[in-house]
């Protein structure tokens, strides 16, 4: 399972990072650390997020609110 984050601002791609680059553990799932790092790099906070989406290639992906809240309670 690979996790990661991509951030767009006003339609422009401004940040992308695989979770494993932050955790230093191959195939790290989730997105919390890579999201936090990206927001910090861009000078943003969770309140600046207008929308989010999830993409999964070939595996079921849990998009239930409870799962999102466990990964990043600040977003729930």
PDB file of N, CA and C in Angstrom:
ATOM      1  N   UNK A   1       0.846  -1.178   0.000  1.00  0.00           N
ATOM      2  CA  UNK A   1       0.000   0.000   0.000  1.00  0.00           C
ATOM      3  C   UNK A   1       0.884   1.232   0.000  1.00  0.00           C
ATOM      4  N   UNK A   2       0.699   2.081  -0.983  1.00  0.00           N
ATOM      5  CA  UNK A   2       1.416   3.349  -1.048  1.00  0.00           C
ATOM      6  C   UNK A   2       0.435   4.476  -0.771  1.00  0.00           C
ATOM      7  N   UNK A   3       0.872   5.429  -0.008  1.00  0.00           N
ATOM      8  CA  UNK A   3       0.048   6.603   0.257  1.00  0.00           C
ATOM      9  C   UNK A   3       0.785   7.852  -0.171  1.00  0.00           C
ATOM     10  N   UNK A   4       0.071   8.926  -0.265  1.00  0.00           N
ATOM     11  CA  UNK A   4       0.707  10.177  -0.616  1.00  0.00           C
ATOM     12  C   UNK A   4      -0.308  11.276  -0.819  1.00  0.00           C
ATOM     13  N   UNK A   5       0.208  12.431  -1.204  1.00  0.00           N
ATOM     14  CA  UNK A   5      -0.623  13.619  -1.317  1.00  0.00           C
ATOM     15  C   UNK A   5      -0.205  14.424  -2.545  1.00  0.00           C
ATOM     16  N   UNK A   6      -1.176  15.030  -3.186  1.00  0.00           N
ATOM     17  CA  UNK A   6      -0.934  16.033  -4.218  1.00  0.00           C
ATOM     18  C   UNK A   6      -1.795  17.237  -3.854  1.00  0.00           C
ATOM     19  N   UNK A   7      -1.218  18.418  -3.989  1.00  0.00           N
ATOM     20  CA  UNK A   7      -1.947  19.643  -3.653  1.00  0.00           C
ATOM     21  C   UNK A   7      -1.964  20.554  -4.872  1.00  0.00           C
ATOM     22  N   UNK A   8      -3.171  21.040  -5.180  1.00  0.00           N
ATOM     23  CA  UNK A   8      -3.361  22.017  -6.243  1.00  0.00           C
ATOM     24  C   UNK A   8      -3.832  23.313  -5.609  1.00  0.00           C
ATOM     25  N   UNK A   9      -3.369  24.422  -6.161  1.00  0.00           N
ATOM     26  CA  UNK A   9      -3.819  25.743  -5.713  1.00  0.00           C
ATOM     27  C   UNK A   9      -4.280  26.501  -6.948  1.00  0.00           C
ATOM     28  N   UNK A  10      -5.543  26.896  -6.941  1.00  0.00           N
ATOM     29  CA  UNK A  10      -6.123  27.640  -8.069  1.00  0.00           C
ATOM     30  C   UNK A  10      -5.886  26.934  -9.404  1.00  0.00           C
ATOM     31  N   UNK A  11      -6.008  25.602  -9.402  1.00  0.00           N
ATOM     32  CA  UNK A  11      -5.873  24.824 -10.624  1.00  0.00           C
ATOM     33  C   UNK A  11      -4.453  24.460 -11.008  1.00  0.00           C
ATOM     34  N   UNK A  12      -3.470  24.910 -10.246  1.00  0.00           N
ATOM     35  CA  UNK A  12      -2.069  24.605 -10.536  1.00  0.00           C
ATOM     36  C   UNK A  12      -1.521  23.600  -9.537  1.00  0.00           C
ATOM     37  N   UNK A  13      -0.817  22.598 -10.041  1.00  0.00           N
ATOM     38  CA  UNK A  13      -0.164  21.628  -9.169  1.00  0.00           C
ATOM     39  C   UNK A  13       0.990  22.321  -8.444  1.00  0.00           C
ATOM     40  N   UNK A  14       1.000  22.259  -7.101  1.00  0.00           N
ATOM     41  CA  UNK A  14       2.041  22.950  -6.342  1.00  0.00           C
ATOM     42  C   UNK A  14       2.845  22.043  -5.422  1.00  0.00           C
ATOM     43  N   UNK A  15       2.375  20.796  -5.189  1.00  0.00           N
ATOM     44  CA  UNK A  15       3.088  19.917  -4.264  1.00  0.00           C
ATOM     45  C   UNK A  15       2.645  18.478  -4.473  1.00  0.00           C
ATOM     46  N   UNK A  16       3.576  17.564  -4.397  1.00  0.00           N
ATOM     47  CA  UNK A  16       3.279  16.141  -4.417  1.00  0.00           C
ATOM     48  C   UNK A  16       4.320  15.403  -3.606  1.00  0.00           C
ATOM     49  N   UNK A  17       3.886  14.406  -2.844  1.00  0.00           N
ATOM     50  CA  UNK A  17       4.833  13.669  -2.016  1.00  0.00           C
ATOM     51  C   UNK A  17       4.249  12.308  -1.647  1.00  0.00           C
ATOM     52  N   UNK A  18       5.074  11.273  -1.762  1.00  0.00           N
ATOM     53  CA  UNK A  18       4.696   9.942  -1.296  1.00  0.00           C
ATOM     54  C   UNK A  18       4.919   9.873   0.216  1.00  0.00           C
ATOM     55  N   UNK A  19       4.019   9.246   0.908  1.00  0.00           N
ATOM     56  CA  UNK A  19       4.128   9.120   2.369  1.00  0.00           C
ATOM     57  C   UNK A  19       5.450   8.487   2.781  1.00  0.00           C
ATOM     58  N   UNK A  20       5.946   7.543   1.987  1.00  0.00           N
ATOM     59  CA  UNK A  20       7.196   6.851   2.344  1.00  0.00           C
ATOM     60  C   UNK A  20       8.401   7.797   2.347  1.00  0.00           C
ATOM     61  N   UNK A  21       8.319   8.906   1.631  1.00  0.00           N
ATOM     62  CA  UNK A  21       9.422   9.877   1.637  1.00  0.00           C
ATOM     63  C   UNK A  21       9.516  10.591   2.982  1.00  0.00           C
ATOM     64  N   UNK A  22       8.400  10.721   3.646  1.00  0.00           N
ATOM     65  CA  UNK A  22       8.376  11.384   4.949  1.00  0.00           C
ATOM     66  C   UNK A  22       8.632  10.392   6.078  1.00  0.00           C
ATOM     67  N   UNK A  23       8.005   9.210   6.001  1.00  0.00           N
ATOM     68  CA  UNK A  23       8.156   8.218   7.078  1.00  0.00           C
ATOM     69  C   UNK A  23       9.471   7.457   6.976  1.00  0.00           C
ATOM     70  N   UNK A  24      10.071   7.474   5.767  1.00  0.00           N
ATOM     71  CA  UNK A  24      11.299   6.718   5.492  1.00  0.00           C
ATOM     72  C   UNK A  24      11.070   5.210   5.600  1.00  0.00           C
ATOM     73  N   UNK A  25       9.816   4.767   5.359  1.00  0.00           N
ATOM     74  CA  UNK A  25       9.447   3.351   5.360  1.00  0.00           C
ATOM     75  C   UNK A  25       8.792   3.038   4.023  1.00  0.00           C
ATOM     76  N   UNK A  26       9.393   2.102   3.283  1.00  0.00           N
ATOM     77  CA  UNK A  26       8.895   1.722   1.966  1.00  0.00           C
ATOM     78  C   UNK A  26       7.434   1.283   2.039  1.00  0.00           C
ATOM     79  N   UNK A  27       6.658   1.706   1.063  1.00  0.00           N
ATOM     80  CA  UNK A  27       5.240   1.358   0.924  1.00  0.00           C
ATOM     81  C   UNK A  27       4.371   1.850   2.082  1.00  0.00           C
ATOM     82  N   UNK A  28       4.734   2.945   2.710  1.00  0.00           N
ATOM     83  CA  UNK A  28       3.905   3.490   3.793  1.00  0.00           C
ATOM     84  C   UNK A  28       2.544   3.883   3.246  1.00  0.00           C
ATOM     85  N   UNK A  29       1.517   3.479   3.932  1.00  0.00           N
ATOM     86  CA  UNK A  29       0.163   3.874   3.575  1.00  0.00           C
ATOM     87  C   UNK A  29      -0.194   5.168   4.277  1.00  0.00           C
ATOM     88  N   UNK A  30      -1.370   5.644   4.001  1.00  0.00           N
ATOM     89  CA  UNK A  30      -1.836   6.854   4.650  1.00  0.00           C
ATOM     90  C   UNK A  30      -1.373   8.106   3.934  1.00  0.00           C
ATOM     91  N   UNK A  31      -1.686   9.226   4.538  1.00  0.00           N
ATOM     92  CA  UNK A  31      -1.365  10.502   3.912  1.00  0.00           C
ATOM     93  C   UNK A  31      -1.090  11.610   4.917  1.00  0.00           C
ATOM     94  N   UNK A  32      -1.253  11.344   6.188  1.00  0.00           N
ATOM     95  CA  UNK A  32      -1.209  12.402   7.191  1.00  0.00           C
ATOM     96  C   UNK A  32       0.124  13.150   7.212  1.00  0.00           C
ATOM     97  N   UNK A  33       1.219  12.430   7.254  1.00  0.00           N
ATOM     98  CA  UNK A  33       2.527  13.102   7.358  1.00  0.00           C
ATOM     99  C   UNK A  33       2.884  13.864   6.079  1.00  0.00           C
ATOM    100  N   UNK A  34       2.602  13.262   4.927  1.00  0.00           N
ATOM    101  CA  UNK A  34       2.916  13.957   3.674  1.00  0.00           C
ATOM    102  C   UNK A  34       2.011  15.177   3.483  1.00  0.00           C
ATOM    103  N   UNK A  35       0.777  15.096   3.940  1.00  0.00           N
ATOM    104  CA  UNK A  35      -0.116  16.251   3.872  1.00  0.00           C
ATOM    105  C   UNK A  35       0.379  17.362   4.789  1.00  0.00           C
ATOM    106  N   UNK A  36       0.692  17.026   6.015  1.00  0.00           N
ATOM    107  CA  UNK A  36       1.165  18.025   6.973  1.00  0.00           C
ATOM    108  C   UNK A  36       2.445  18.707   6.455  1.00  0.00           C
ATOM    109  N   UNK A  37       3.373  17.908   5.930  1.00  0.00           N
ATOM    110  CA  UNK A  37       4.620  18.452   5.400  1.00  0.00           C
ATOM    111  C   UNK A  37       4.341  19.416   4.244  1.00  0.00           C
ATOM    112  N   UNK A  38       3.461  19.008   3.340  1.00  0.00           N
ATOM    113  CA  UNK A  38       3.129  19.854   2.196  1.00  0.00           C
ATOM    114  C   UNK A  38       2.465  21.156   2.609  1.00  0.00           C
ATOM    115  N   UNK A  39       1.528  21.067   3.525  1.00  0.00           N
ATOM    116  CA  UNK A  39       0.872  22.281   3.998  1.00  0.00           C
ATOM    117  C   UNK A  39       1.876  23.214   4.662  1.00  0.00           C
ATOM    118  N   UNK A  40       2.777  22.649   5.458  1.00  0.00           N
ATOM    119  CA  UNK A  40       3.817  23.465   6.096  1.00  0.00           C
ATOM    120  C   UNK A  40       4.701  24.147   5.058  1.00  0.00           C
ATOM    121  N   UNK A  41       5.099  23.402   4.021  1.00  0.00           N
ATOM    122  CA  UNK A  41       5.958  23.955   2.981  1.00  0.00           C
ATOM    123  C   UNK A  41       5.279  25.106   2.235  1.00  0.00           C
ATOM    124  N   UNK A  42       3.961  25.021   2.107  1.00  0.00           N
ATOM    125  CA  UNK A  42       3.211  26.030   1.368  1.00  0.00           C
ATOM    126  C   UNK A  42       2.657  27.138   2.268  1.00  0.00           C
ATOM    127  N   UNK A  43       2.895  27.037   3.568  1.00  0.00           N
ATOM    128  CA  UNK A  43       2.384  28.038   4.495  1.00  0.00           C
ATOM    129  C   UNK A  43       0.880  27.985   4.668  1.00  0.00           C
ATOM    130  N   UNK A  44       0.311  26.778   4.545  1.00  0.00           N
ATOM    131  CA  UNK A  44      -1.135  26.588   4.662  1.00  0.00           C
ATOM    132  C   UNK A  44      -1.460  25.797   5.919  1.00  0.00           C
ATOM    133  N   UNK A  45      -2.750  25.745   6.271  1.00  0.00           N
ATOM    134  CA  UNK A  45      -3.192  24.878   7.361  1.00  0.00           C
ATOM    135  C   UNK A  45      -4.419  24.101   6.903  1.00  0.00           C
ATOM    136  N   UNK A  46      -4.912  23.208   7.744  1.00  0.00           N
ATOM    137  CA  UNK A  46      -6.031  22.357   7.355  1.00  0.00           C
ATOM    138  C   UNK A  46      -7.267  23.160   6.973  1.00  0.00           C
ATOM    139  N   UNK A  47      -7.458  24.299   7.588  1.00  0.00           N
ATOM    140  CA  UNK A  47      -8.613  25.136   7.277  1.00  0.00           C
ATOM    141  C   UNK A  47      -8.585  25.715   5.876  1.00  0.00           C
ATOM    142  N   UNK A  48      -7.423  25.709   5.236  1.00  0.00           N
ATOM    143  CA  UNK A  48      -7.295  26.229   3.874  1.00  0.00           C
ATOM    144  C   UNK A  48      -7.739  25.228   2.814  1.00  0.00           C
ATOM    145  N   UNK A  49      -8.025  24.001   3.197  1.00  0.00           N
ATOM    146  CA  UNK A  49      -8.420  22.963   2.238  1.00  0.00           C
ATOM    147  C   UNK A  49      -9.897  23.131   1.900  1.00  0.00           C
ATOM    148  N   UNK A  50     -10.178  23.311   0.612  1.00  0.00           N
ATOM    149  CA  UNK A  50     -11.560  23.446   0.153  1.00  0.00           C
ATOM    150  C   UNK A  50     -12.169  22.104  -0.223  1.00  0.00           C
ATOM    151  N   UNK A  51     -11.357  21.206  -0.771  1.00  0.00           N
ATOM    152  CA  UNK A  51     -11.860  19.914  -1.222  1.00  0.00           C
ATOM    153  C   UNK A  51     -10.718  18.912  -1.231  1.00  0.00           C
ATOM    154  N   UNK A  52     -11.065  17.639  -1.131  1.00  0.00           N
ATOM    155  CA  UNK A  52     -10.065  16.588  -1.236  1.00  0.00           C
ATOM    156  C   UNK A  52     -10.686  15.394  -1.938  1.00  0.00           C
ATOM    157  N   UNK A  53      -9.832  14.560  -2.545  1.00  0.00           N
ATOM    158  CA  UNK A  53     -10.307  13.357  -3.214  1.00  0.00           C
ATOM    159  C   UNK A  53      -9.284  12.258  -3.024  1.00  0.00           C
ATOM    160  N   UNK A  54      -9.703  11.032  -3.291  1.00  0.00           N
ATOM    161  CA  UNK A  54      -8.849   9.869  -3.117  1.00  0.00           C
ATOM    162  C   UNK A  54      -8.807   9.069  -4.395  1.00  0.00           C
ATOM    163  N   UNK A  55      -7.653   8.515  -4.696  1.00  0.00           N
ATOM    164  CA  UNK A  55      -7.480   7.671  -5.873  1.00  0.00           C
ATOM    165  C   UNK A  55      -6.842   6.375  -5.427  1.00  0.00           C
ATOM    166  N   UNK A  56      -7.348   5.258  -5.948  1.00  0.00           N
ATOM    167  CA  UNK A  56      -6.785   3.953  -5.634  1.00  0.00           C
ATOM    168  C   UNK A  56      -6.653   3.166  -6.930  1.00  0.00           C
ATOM    169  N   UNK A  57      -5.536   2.521  -7.108  1.00  0.00           N
ATOM    170  CA  UNK A  57      -5.300   1.734  -8.321  1.00  0.00           C
ATOM    171  C   UNK A  57      -5.404   0.251  -8.012  1.00  0.00           C
ATOM    172  N   UNK A  58      -6.542  -0.343  -8.338  1.00  0.00           N
ATOM    173  CA  UNK A  58      -6.696  -1.782  -8.262  1.00  0.00           C
ATOM    174  C   UNK A  58      -7.017  -2.360  -6.896  1.00  0.00           C
ATOM    175  N   UNK A  59      -7.022  -1.551  -5.854  1.00  0.00           N
ATOM    176  CA  UNK A  59      -7.335  -2.075  -4.529  1.00  0.00           C
ATOM    177  C   UNK A  59      -8.488  -1.277  -3.949  1.00  0.00           C
ATOM    178  N   UNK A  60      -9.317  -1.944  -3.140  1.00  0.00           N
ATOM    179  CA  UNK A  60     -10.405  -1.199  -2.492  1.00  0.00           C
ATOM    180  C   UNK A  60      -9.818  -0.087  -1.627  1.00  0.00           C
ATOM    181  N   UNK A  61     -10.471   1.035  -1.608  1.00  0.00           N
ATOM    182  CA  UNK A  61      -9.983   2.155  -0.810  1.00  0.00           C
ATOM    183  C   UNK A  61     -11.082   2.605   0.130  1.00  0.00           C
ATOM    184  N   UNK A  62     -10.743   2.766   1.367  1.00  0.00           N
ATOM    185  CA  UNK A  62     -11.704   3.121   2.392  1.00  0.00           C
ATOM    186  C   UNK A  62     -11.856   4.637   2.450  1.00  0.00           C
ATOM    187  N   UNK A  63     -12.993   5.146   1.993  1.00  0.00           N
ATOM    188  CA  UNK A  63     -13.215   6.585   2.013  1.00  0.00           C
ATOM    189  C   UNK A  63     -14.238   6.974   3.068  1.00  0.00           C
ATOM    190  N   UNK A  64     -14.548   6.070   3.976  1.00  0.00           N
ATOM    191  CA  UNK A  64     -15.496   6.405   5.035  1.00  0.00           C
ATOM    192  C   UNK A  64     -14.924   7.515   5.909  1.00  0.00           C
ATOM    193  N   UNK A  65     -15.794   8.351   6.412  1.00  0.00           N
ATOM    194  CA  UNK A  65     -15.374   9.476   7.247  1.00  0.00           C
ATOM    195  C   UNK A  65     -14.564   9.001   8.448  1.00  0.00           C
ATOM    196  N   UNK A  66     -14.910   7.856   9.014  1.00  0.00           N
ATOM    197  CA  UNK A  66     -14.184   7.343  10.178  1.00  0.00           C
ATOM    198  C   UNK A  66     -12.722   7.059   9.825  1.00  0.00           C
ATOM    199  N   UNK A  67     -12.475   6.548   8.628  1.00  0.00           N
ATOM    200  CA  UNK A  67     -11.107   6.274   8.194  1.00  0.00           C
ATOM    201  C   UNK A  67     -10.339   7.582   8.016  1.00  0.00           C
ATOM    202  N   UNK A  68     -10.970   8.547   7.396  1.00  0.00           N
ATOM    203  CA  UNK A  68     -10.325   9.846   7.205  1.00  0.00           C
ATOM    204  C   UNK A  68     -10.020  10.480   8.558  1.00  0.00           C
ATOM    205  N   UNK A  69     -10.946  10.380   9.499  1.00  0.00           N
ATOM    206  CA  UNK A  69     -10.746  10.964  10.823  1.00  0.00           C
ATOM    207  C   UNK A  69      -9.582  10.312  11.553  1.00  0.00           C
ATOM    208  N   UNK A  70      -9.383   9.021  11.353  1.00  0.00           N
ATOM    209  CA  UNK A  70      -8.232   8.353  11.990  1.00  0.00           C
ATOM    210  C   UNK A  70      -6.918   8.806  11.370  1.00  0.00           C
ATOM    211  N   UNK A  71      -6.926   9.019  10.050  1.00  0.00           N
ATOM    212  CA  UNK A  71      -5.709   9.434   9.353  1.00  0.00           C
ATOM    213  C   UNK A  71      -5.370  10.894   9.654  1.00  0.00           C
ATOM    214  N   UNK A  72      -6.354  11.755   9.602  1.00  0.00           N
ATOM    215  CA  UNK A  72      -6.118  13.192   9.818  1.00  0.00           C
ATOM    216  C   UNK A  72      -7.332  13.779  10.509  1.00  0.00           C
ATOM    217  N   UNK A  73      -7.389  13.658  11.826  1.00  0.00           N
ATOM    218  CA  UNK A  73      -8.577  14.145  12.558  1.00  0.00           C
ATOM    219  C   UNK A  73      -8.863  15.624  12.305  1.00  0.00           C
ATOM    220  N   UNK A  74      -7.872  16.371  11.908  1.00  0.00           N
ATOM    221  CA  UNK A  74      -8.076  17.794  11.655  1.00  0.00           C
ATOM    222  C   UNK A  74      -8.982  18.026  10.458  1.00  0.00           C
ATOM    223  N   UNK A  75      -9.110  17.026   9.570  1.00  0.00           N
ATOM    224  CA  UNK A  75      -9.932  17.169   8.373  1.00  0.00           C
ATOM    225  C   UNK A  75     -11.386  16.776   8.605  1.00  0.00           C
ATOM    226  N   UNK A  76     -11.641  15.975   9.620  1.00  0.00           N
ATOM    227  CA  UNK A  76     -12.994  15.443   9.838  1.00  0.00           C
ATOM    228  C   UNK A  76     -13.908  16.491  10.460  1.00  0.00           C
TER     229      UNK A  76
END
